[in-house]
Amino acid sequence: MSQTPAVLFVCLGNICRSPLAEAAFRAAAERAQMTVEVDSAGLGRWHLGYPPDPRAQAVARRNGIDISERRARQIREEDFHRFDYVIGLDSENLAGLRRLCPANARASVSLLLDHVQGRAGQSVTDPYYEDDAAFDDAWRDACEGAEGLIAKLKKDMK
């Protein structure tokens, strides 16, 4: 891993959980005074070019972060060579990432909550078909995962 860790967060459409995880991770890295490269992507193509879901934008805004300029993109094979970590937000994402990951990939593939003690194997709440409160739950999960991942990166960089 380089001195500037590169992390990509991936969910299905890149309009809910992965942009929230990206935002939470950026904020956690800033608090930790850590320089990182971070992005998000989706496994599917159906939201390409769209901004994050308005409910995701609202929860990020309530937490002092503007994600309105983000645009959904689909993961590409080169992402596995560009990023140190490709992080899925649920087990379906993880399975898809493992299928796509080339044998010679640079990236380590895992779930976000694998980096939180006692939450390995758990999914970040999927709020898309739920009410607004589920976006708050997804934000909390993303923040918890981001803090755990920052702690891991700091330990790995020593």
C-alpha atoms as a PDB file:
ATOM      1  CA  MET A   1       0.000   0.000   0.000  1.00  0.00           C
ATOM      2  CA  SER A   2       1.215   3.487  -0.835  1.00  0.00           C
ATOM      3  CA  GLN A   3       1.508   6.330   1.669  1.00  0.00           C
ATOM      4  CA  THR A   4      -1.779   7.607   0.245  1.00  0.00           C
ATOM      5  CA  PRO A   5      -4.264   4.745   0.582  1.00  0.00           C
ATOM      6  CA  ALA A   6      -6.748   4.488  -2.289  1.00  0.00           C
ATOM      7  CA  VAL A   7     -10.233   3.215  -1.401  1.00  0.00           C
ATOM      8  CA  LEU A   8     -13.254   2.563  -3.614  1.00  0.00           C
ATOM      9  CA  PHE A   9     -16.704   1.958  -2.086  1.00  0.00           C
ATOM     10  CA  VAL A  10     -19.178  -0.092  -4.136  1.00  0.00           C
ATOM     11  CA  CYS A  11     -22.915  -0.711  -3.884  1.00  0.00           C
ATOM     12  CA  LEU A  12     -25.439  -1.711  -6.543  1.00  0.00           C
ATOM     13  CA  GLY A  13     -26.276   1.610  -8.200  1.00  0.00           C
ATOM     14  CA  ASN A  14     -23.872   4.151  -6.649  1.00  0.00           C
ATOM     15  CA  ILE A  15     -26.635   6.528  -5.556  1.00  0.00           C
ATOM     16  CA  CYS A  16     -27.206   5.609  -1.884  1.00  0.00           C
ATOM     17  CA  ARG A  17     -24.791   3.624   0.236  1.00  0.00           C
ATOM     18  CA  SER A  18     -21.527   3.968  -1.680  1.00  0.00           C
ATOM     19  CA  PRO A  19     -21.668   7.790  -1.952  1.00  0.00           C
ATOM     20  CA  LEU A  20     -22.531   7.917   1.770  1.00  0.00           C
ATOM     21  CA  ALA A  21     -19.611   5.609   2.583  1.00  0.00           C
ATOM     22  CA  GLU A  22     -17.314   7.731   0.428  1.00  0.00           C
ATOM     23  CA  ALA A  23     -18.444  10.890   2.248  1.00  0.00           C
ATOM     24  CA  ALA A  24     -18.145   9.288   5.699  1.00  0.00           C
ATOM     25  CA  PHE A  25     -14.663   7.995   4.854  1.00  0.00           C
ATOM     26  CA  ARG A  26     -13.500  11.400   3.552  1.00  0.00           C
ATOM     27  CA  ALA A  27     -14.704  13.001   6.790  1.00  0.00           C
ATOM     28  CA  ALA A  28     -13.051  10.323   8.958  1.00  0.00           C
ATOM     29  CA  ALA A  29      -9.770  10.693   7.051  1.00  0.00           C
ATOM     30  CA  GLU A  30      -9.882  14.465   7.474  1.00  0.00           C
ATOM     31  CA  ARG A  31     -10.450  14.120  11.230  1.00  0.00           C
ATOM     32  CA  ALA A  32      -7.525  11.678  11.374  1.00  0.00           C
ATOM     33  CA  GLN A  33      -5.404  14.091   9.303  1.00  0.00           C
ATOM     34  CA  MET A  34      -4.823  11.301   6.800  1.00  0.00           C
ATOM     35  CA  THR A  35      -4.406  11.873   3.075  1.00  0.00           C
ATOM     36  CA  VAL A  36      -6.471   9.387   1.076  1.00  0.00           C
ATOM     37  CA  GLU A  37      -7.728   8.830  -2.438  1.00  0.00           C
ATOM     38  CA  VAL A  38     -11.394   7.840  -2.342  1.00  0.00           C
ATOM     39  CA  ASP A  39     -14.192   7.245  -4.828  1.00  0.00           C
ATOM     40  CA  SER A  40     -17.386   5.232  -5.165  1.00  0.00           C
ATOM     41  CA  ALA A  41     -18.972   3.153  -7.904  1.00  0.00           C
ATOM     42  CA  GLY A  42     -21.833   0.786  -8.581  1.00  0.00           C
ATOM     43  CA  LEU A  43     -21.976  -2.748  -9.883  1.00  0.00           C
ATOM     44  CA  GLY A  44     -24.918  -1.906 -12.145  1.00  0.00           C
ATOM     45  CA  ARG A  45     -25.354   0.569 -14.989  1.00  0.00           C
ATOM     46  CA  TRP A  46     -28.917   1.764 -14.377  1.00  0.00           C
ATOM     47  CA  HIS A  47     -28.024   5.016 -12.530  1.00  0.00           C
ATOM     48  CA  LEU A  48     -24.938   6.064 -14.552  1.00  0.00           C
ATOM     49  CA  GLY A  49     -24.471   9.829 -14.446  1.00  0.00           C
ATOM     50  CA  TYR A  50     -27.191  10.394 -11.844  1.00  0.00           C
ATOM     51  CA  PRO A  51     -26.559  12.333  -8.617  1.00  0.00           C
ATOM     52  CA  PRO A  52     -27.032  10.575  -5.279  1.00  0.00           C
ATOM     53  CA  ASP A  53     -30.600   9.876  -4.176  1.00  0.00           C
ATOM     54  CA  PRO A  54     -32.103  13.058  -2.655  1.00  0.00           C
ATOM     55  CA  ARG A  55     -32.521  11.230   0.659  1.00  0.00           C
ATOM     56  CA  ALA A  56     -28.799  10.327   0.689  1.00  0.00           C
ATOM     57  CA  GLN A  57     -27.964  13.941  -0.096  1.00  0.00           C
ATOM     58  CA  ALA A  58     -30.212  15.076   2.766  1.00  0.00           C
ATOM     59  CA  VAL A  59     -28.602  12.812   5.383  1.00  0.00           C
ATOM     60  CA  ALA A  60     -25.117  13.833   4.258  1.00  0.00           C
ATOM     61  CA  ARG A  61     -26.128  17.514   4.365  1.00  0.00           C
ATOM     62  CA  ARG A  62     -27.531  17.079   7.902  1.00  0.00           C
ATOM     63  CA  ASN A  63     -24.057  15.840   8.820  1.00  0.00           C
ATOM     64  CA  GLY A  64     -22.292  18.799   7.204  1.00  0.00           C
ATOM     65  CA  ILE A  65     -21.297  17.150   3.912  1.00  0.00           C
ATOM     66  CA  ASP A  66     -22.429  18.056   0.392  1.00  0.00           C
ATOM     67  CA  ILE A  67     -22.497  15.088  -1.988  1.00  0.00           C
ATOM     68  CA  SER A  68     -24.745  16.709  -4.605  1.00  0.00           C
ATOM     69  CA  GLU A  69     -21.942  16.980  -7.177  1.00  0.00           C
ATOM     70  CA  ARG A  70     -21.198  13.223  -7.148  1.00  0.00           C
ATOM     71  CA  ARG A  71     -22.315  11.259 -10.197  1.00  0.00           C
ATOM     72  CA  ALA A  72     -22.909   7.524 -10.344  1.00  0.00           C
ATOM     73  CA  ARG A  73     -20.411   5.441 -12.258  1.00  0.00           C
ATOM     74  CA  GLN A  74     -19.933   1.735 -12.798  1.00  0.00           C
ATOM     75  CA  ILE A  75     -16.914  -0.140 -11.479  1.00  0.00           C
ATOM     76  CA  ARG A  76     -14.302  -0.989 -14.109  1.00  0.00           C
ATOM     77  CA  GLU A  77     -11.603  -3.662 -14.172  1.00  0.00           C
ATOM     78  CA  GLU A  78      -8.890  -1.003 -13.864  1.00  0.00           C
ATOM     79  CA  ASP A  79     -10.341   0.010 -10.485  1.00  0.00           C
ATOM     80  CA  PHE A  80      -8.958  -3.222  -9.039  1.00  0.00           C
ATOM     81  CA  HIS A  81      -5.482  -2.082 -10.105  1.00  0.00           C
ATOM     82  CA  ARG A  82      -5.872   1.591  -9.132  1.00  0.00           C
ATOM     83  CA  PHE A  83      -7.267   1.154  -5.602  1.00  0.00           C
ATOM     84  CA  ASP A  84      -5.693  -0.554  -2.586  1.00  0.00           C
ATOM     85  CA  TYR A  85      -9.109  -1.432  -1.192  1.00  0.00           C
ATOM     86  CA  VAL A  86     -12.377  -2.115  -3.013  1.00  0.00           C
ATOM     87  CA  ILE A  87     -15.071  -2.181  -0.365  1.00  0.00           C
ATOM     88  CA  GLY A  88     -18.526  -3.682  -0.891  1.00  0.00           C
ATOM     89  CA  LEU A  89     -21.487  -2.482   1.134  1.00  0.00           C
ATOM     90  CA  ASP A  90     -23.312  -5.836   1.343  1.00  0.00           C
ATOM     91  CA  SER A  91     -22.723  -9.520   0.652  1.00  0.00           C
ATOM     92  CA  GLU A  92     -24.279  -9.311  -2.829  1.00  0.00           C
ATOM     93  CA  ASN A  93     -21.865  -6.499  -3.721  1.00  0.00           C
ATOM     94  CA  LEU A  94     -18.971  -8.469  -2.264  1.00  0.00           C
ATOM     95  CA  ALA A  95     -19.847 -11.547  -4.337  1.00  0.00           C
ATOM     96  CA  GLY A  96     -20.064  -9.407  -7.479  1.00  0.00           C
ATOM     97  CA  LEU A  97     -16.744  -7.740  -6.724  1.00  0.00           C
ATOM     98  CA  ARG A  98     -15.042 -11.091  -6.187  1.00  0.00           C
ATOM     99  CA  ARG A  99     -16.366 -12.298  -9.561  1.00  0.00           C
ATOM    100  CA  LEU A 100     -15.036  -9.174 -11.307  1.00  0.00           C
ATOM    101  CA  CYS A 101     -11.686  -8.969  -9.510  1.00  0.00           C
ATOM    102  CA  PRO A 102      -8.790 -10.015 -11.763  1.00  0.00           C
ATOM    103  CA  ALA A 103      -6.270 -12.510 -10.399  1.00  0.00           C
ATOM    104  CA  ASN A 104      -3.448  -9.946 -10.553  1.00  0.00           C
ATOM    105  CA  ALA A 105      -5.411  -7.192  -8.809  1.00  0.00           C
ATOM    106  CA  ARG A 106      -3.725  -4.722  -6.475  1.00  0.00           C
ATOM    107  CA  ALA A 107      -6.926  -4.251  -4.464  1.00  0.00           C
ATOM    108  CA  SER A 108      -7.966  -6.103  -1.365  1.00  0.00           C
ATOM    109  CA  VAL A 109     -11.731  -6.781  -1.528  1.00  0.00           C
ATOM    110  CA  SER A 110     -13.863  -6.762   1.628  1.00  0.00           C
ATOM    111  CA  LEU A 111     -17.104  -5.581   3.201  1.00  0.00           C
ATOM    112  CA  LEU A 112     -17.087  -2.180   4.887  1.00  0.00           C
ATOM    113  CA  LEU A 113     -18.350  -3.528   8.197  1.00  0.00           C
ATOM    114  CA  ASP A 114     -15.627  -6.221   8.200  1.00  0.00           C
ATOM    115  CA  HIS A 115     -13.471  -3.372   9.530  1.00  0.00           C
ATOM    116  CA  VAL A 116     -15.640  -2.932  12.632  1.00  0.00           C
ATOM    117  CA  GLN A 117     -15.073  -5.225  15.586  1.00  0.00           C
ATOM    118  CA  GLY A 118     -18.069  -7.515  16.048  1.00  0.00           C
ATOM    119  CA  ARG A 119     -19.671  -6.603  12.690  1.00  0.00           C
ATOM    120  CA  ALA A 120     -17.703  -8.732  10.220  1.00  0.00           C
ATOM    121  CA  GLY A 121     -19.939 -10.101   7.488  1.00  0.00           C
ATOM    122  CA  GLN A 122     -22.703  -7.567   8.140  1.00  0.00           C
ATOM    123  CA  SER A 123     -24.184  -5.306   5.480  1.00  0.00           C
ATOM    124  CA  VAL A 124     -24.597  -1.566   5.555  1.00  0.00           C
ATOM    125  CA  THR A 125     -28.338  -0.887   5.783  1.00  0.00           C
ATOM    126  CA  ASP A 126     -29.862  -0.686   2.288  1.00  0.00           C
ATOM    127  CA  PRO A 127     -32.201   2.319   2.489  1.00  0.00           C
ATOM    128  CA  TYR A 128     -33.326   2.557  -1.150  1.00  0.00           C
ATOM    129  CA  TYR A 129     -36.780   0.980  -0.775  1.00  0.00           C
ATOM    130  CA  GLU A 130     -37.235   2.186   2.796  1.00  0.00           C
ATOM    131  CA  ASP A 131     -38.272   5.421   4.482  1.00  0.00           C
ATOM    132  CA  ASP A 132     -35.997   8.366   5.253  1.00  0.00           C
ATOM    133  CA  ALA A 133     -34.990   6.899   8.630  1.00  0.00           C
ATOM    134  CA  ALA A 134     -33.211   4.036   6.845  1.00  0.00           C
ATOM    135  CA  PHE A 135     -30.854   6.616   5.314  1.00  0.00           C
ATOM    136  CA  ASP A 136     -29.888   7.677   8.833  1.00  0.00           C
ATOM    137  CA  ASP A 137     -29.193   4.017   9.634  1.00  0.00           C
ATOM    138  CA  ALA A 138     -27.081   3.681   6.466  1.00  0.00           C
ATOM    139  CA  TRP A 139     -25.163   6.839   7.423  1.00  0.00           C
ATOM    140  CA  ARG A 140     -24.442   5.475  10.912  1.00  0.00           C
ATOM    141  CA  ASP A 141     -23.249   2.162   9.448  1.00  0.00           C
ATOM    142  CA  ALA A 142     -21.068   3.998   6.912  1.00  0.00           C
ATOM    143  CA  CYS A 143     -19.548   6.190   9.628  1.00  0.00           C
ATOM    144  CA  GLU A 144     -18.818   3.223  11.853  1.00  0.00           C
ATOM    145  CA  GLY A 145     -17.209   1.366   8.958  1.00  0.00           C
ATOM    146  CA  ALA A 146     -15.224   4.434   7.894  1.00  0.00           C
ATOM    147  CA  GLU A 147     -13.786   4.871  11.386  1.00  0.00           C
ATOM    148  CA  GLY A 148     -12.855   1.179  11.532  1.00  0.00           C
ATOM    149  CA  LEU A 149     -11.197   1.323   8.132  1.00  0.00           C
ATOM    150  CA  ILE A 150      -9.241   4.474   9.066  1.00  0.00           C
ATOM    151  CA  ALA A 151      -7.976   2.710  12.201  1.00  0.00           C
ATOM    152  CA  LYS A 152      -6.871  -0.279  10.093  1.00  0.00           C
ATOM    153  CA  LEU A 153      -5.090   1.958   7.568  1.00  0.00           C
ATOM    154  CA  LYS A 154      -3.280   3.877  10.293  1.00  0.00           C
ATOM    155  CA  LYS A 155      -2.123   0.598  11.840  1.00  0.00           C
ATOM    156  CA  ASP A 156      -1.021  -0.777   8.419  1.00  0.00           C
ATOM    157  CA  MET A 157       0.945   2.385   7.632  1.00  0.00           C
ATOM    158  CA  LYS A 158       3.106   2.127  10.777  1.00  0.00           C
END
